[in-house]
């Protein structure tokens, strides 16, 4: 299962900077909060479009989780962060139905 996390634009830029570190003095409070959330939940945010700087694509991250219960907890925790615009469970892919 995959949780999609959409970050605020500024936070997404910081997260994709080459020196991504919660210990960095230049890290904003929002970025630090995301690292704290990752640690609390035992997950890692992964860019959906690595290296992408386009403002429409850079904010999209994902977290792979094992089950529905974990996904709900991850969504709830990340939605508490001011750096997160949205967090949701990605729907399963389905074949298109008849017209």
Protein backbone atom coordinates (compact mmCIF):
# COMPACT_ATOMS: atom_id res chain seq x y z
CA UNK A 1 0.00 0.00 0.00
CA UNK A 2 1.17 3.49 -0.74
CA UNK A 3 0.49 6.73 1.11
CA UNK A 4 0.87 9.88 -0.99
CA UNK A 5 2.06 13.00 0.82
CA UNK A 6 1.85 16.42 -0.86
CA UNK A 7 4.17 18.97 0.75
CA UNK A 8 4.07 22.75 0.82
CA UNK A 9 6.20 24.11 -2.07
CA UNK A 10 8.95 25.59 0.13
CA UNK A 11 9.26 22.41 2.18
CA UNK A 12 9.45 20.30 -0.98
CA UNK A 13 12.36 22.43 -2.20
CA UNK A 14 14.18 21.95 1.10
CA UNK A 15 13.53 18.21 1.10
CA UNK A 16 15.02 17.81 -2.38
CA UNK A 17 18.09 19.93 -1.61
CA UNK A 18 21.35 17.94 -1.85
CA UNK A 19 22.10 18.14 1.90
CA UNK A 20 18.84 16.68 3.23
CA UNK A 21 19.40 16.43 6.97
CA UNK A 22 17.28 17.17 10.05
CA UNK A 23 20.47 18.25 11.83
CA UNK A 24 21.13 20.98 9.29
CA UNK A 25 21.09 24.47 10.76
CA UNK A 26 19.34 25.76 7.65
CA UNK A 27 16.44 23.31 7.91
CA UNK A 28 13.11 25.00 8.58
CA UNK A 29 10.85 24.00 11.45
CA UNK A 30 8.49 22.38 8.91
CA UNK A 31 11.25 20.21 7.47
CA UNK A 32 12.40 19.21 10.95
CA UNK A 33 8.79 18.31 11.82
CA UNK A 34 8.63 16.01 8.79
CA UNK A 35 11.81 14.24 9.89
CA UNK A 36 10.35 13.84 13.38
CA UNK A 37 7.17 12.36 11.90
CA UNK A 38 9.24 9.95 9.80
CA UNK A 39 11.09 8.82 12.91
CA UNK A 40 7.93 8.47 15.02
CA UNK A 41 6.21 6.36 12.37
CA UNK A 42 9.31 4.41 11.31
CA UNK A 43 8.85 5.40 7.65
CA UNK A 44 10.71 7.40 5.01
CA UNK A 45 9.34 9.98 2.61
CA UNK A 46 10.45 9.22 -0.95
CA UNK A 47 10.10 11.73 -3.78
CA UNK A 48 7.59 10.54 -6.35
CA UNK A 49 9.56 12.40 -9.01
CA UNK A 50 13.21 12.41 -7.81
CA UNK A 51 15.27 15.43 -8.79
CA UNK A 52 12.23 17.21 -10.22
CA UNK A 53 12.14 20.94 -9.51
CA UNK A 54 8.92 21.72 -11.36
CA UNK A 55 6.49 23.22 -8.81
CA UNK A 56 3.67 20.92 -9.94
CA UNK A 57 5.68 17.72 -9.39
CA UNK A 58 8.26 18.43 -6.66
CA UNK A 59 5.76 18.41 -3.73
CA UNK A 60 4.67 14.80 -4.32
CA UNK A 61 6.19 12.18 -2.01
CA UNK A 62 5.15 8.67 -1.06
CA UNK A 63 5.51 6.20 1.78
CA UNK A 64 5.08 2.46 1.27
CA UNK A 65 3.33 0.74 4.18
CA UNK A 66 2.37 -2.85 4.93
CA UNK A 67 -1.32 -2.58 5.74
CA UNK A 68 -4.45 -0.41 5.97
CA UNK A 69 -4.11 0.25 9.72
CA UNK A 70 -0.55 1.52 9.32
CA UNK A 71 -1.58 3.63 6.34
CA UNK A 72 -4.33 5.32 8.37
CA UNK A 73 -1.90 6.09 11.20
CA UNK A 74 0.67 7.51 8.77
CA UNK A 75 -1.95 9.68 7.05
CA UNK A 76 -3.24 10.98 10.40
CA UNK A 77 0.26 11.82 11.67
CA UNK A 78 1.44 13.56 8.52
CA UNK A 79 -1.79 15.59 8.24
CA UNK A 80 -0.85 17.13 11.62
CA UNK A 81 2.20 18.77 10.05
CA UNK A 82 1.90 22.34 8.73
CA UNK A 83 4.34 21.33 5.96
CA UNK A 84 1.81 18.88 4.49
CA UNK A 85 -0.95 20.02 2.14
CA UNK A 86 -2.45 16.55 1.76
CA UNK A 87 -1.86 12.93 2.73
CA UNK A 88 -3.96 10.05 1.45
CA UNK A 89 -3.93 6.36 0.67
CA UNK A 90 -3.34 5.88 -3.05
CA UNK A 91 -6.23 3.89 -4.52
CA UNK A 92 -5.47 0.51 -6.05
CA UNK A 93 -5.09 0.48 -9.81
CA UNK A 94 -8.09 -0.98 -11.60
CA UNK A 95 -8.74 -2.00 -15.17
CA UNK A 96 -11.15 0.29 -16.96
CA UNK A 97 -14.72 -0.95 -17.09
CA UNK A 98 -16.89 -1.28 -20.15
CA UNK A 99 -18.03 2.00 -21.73
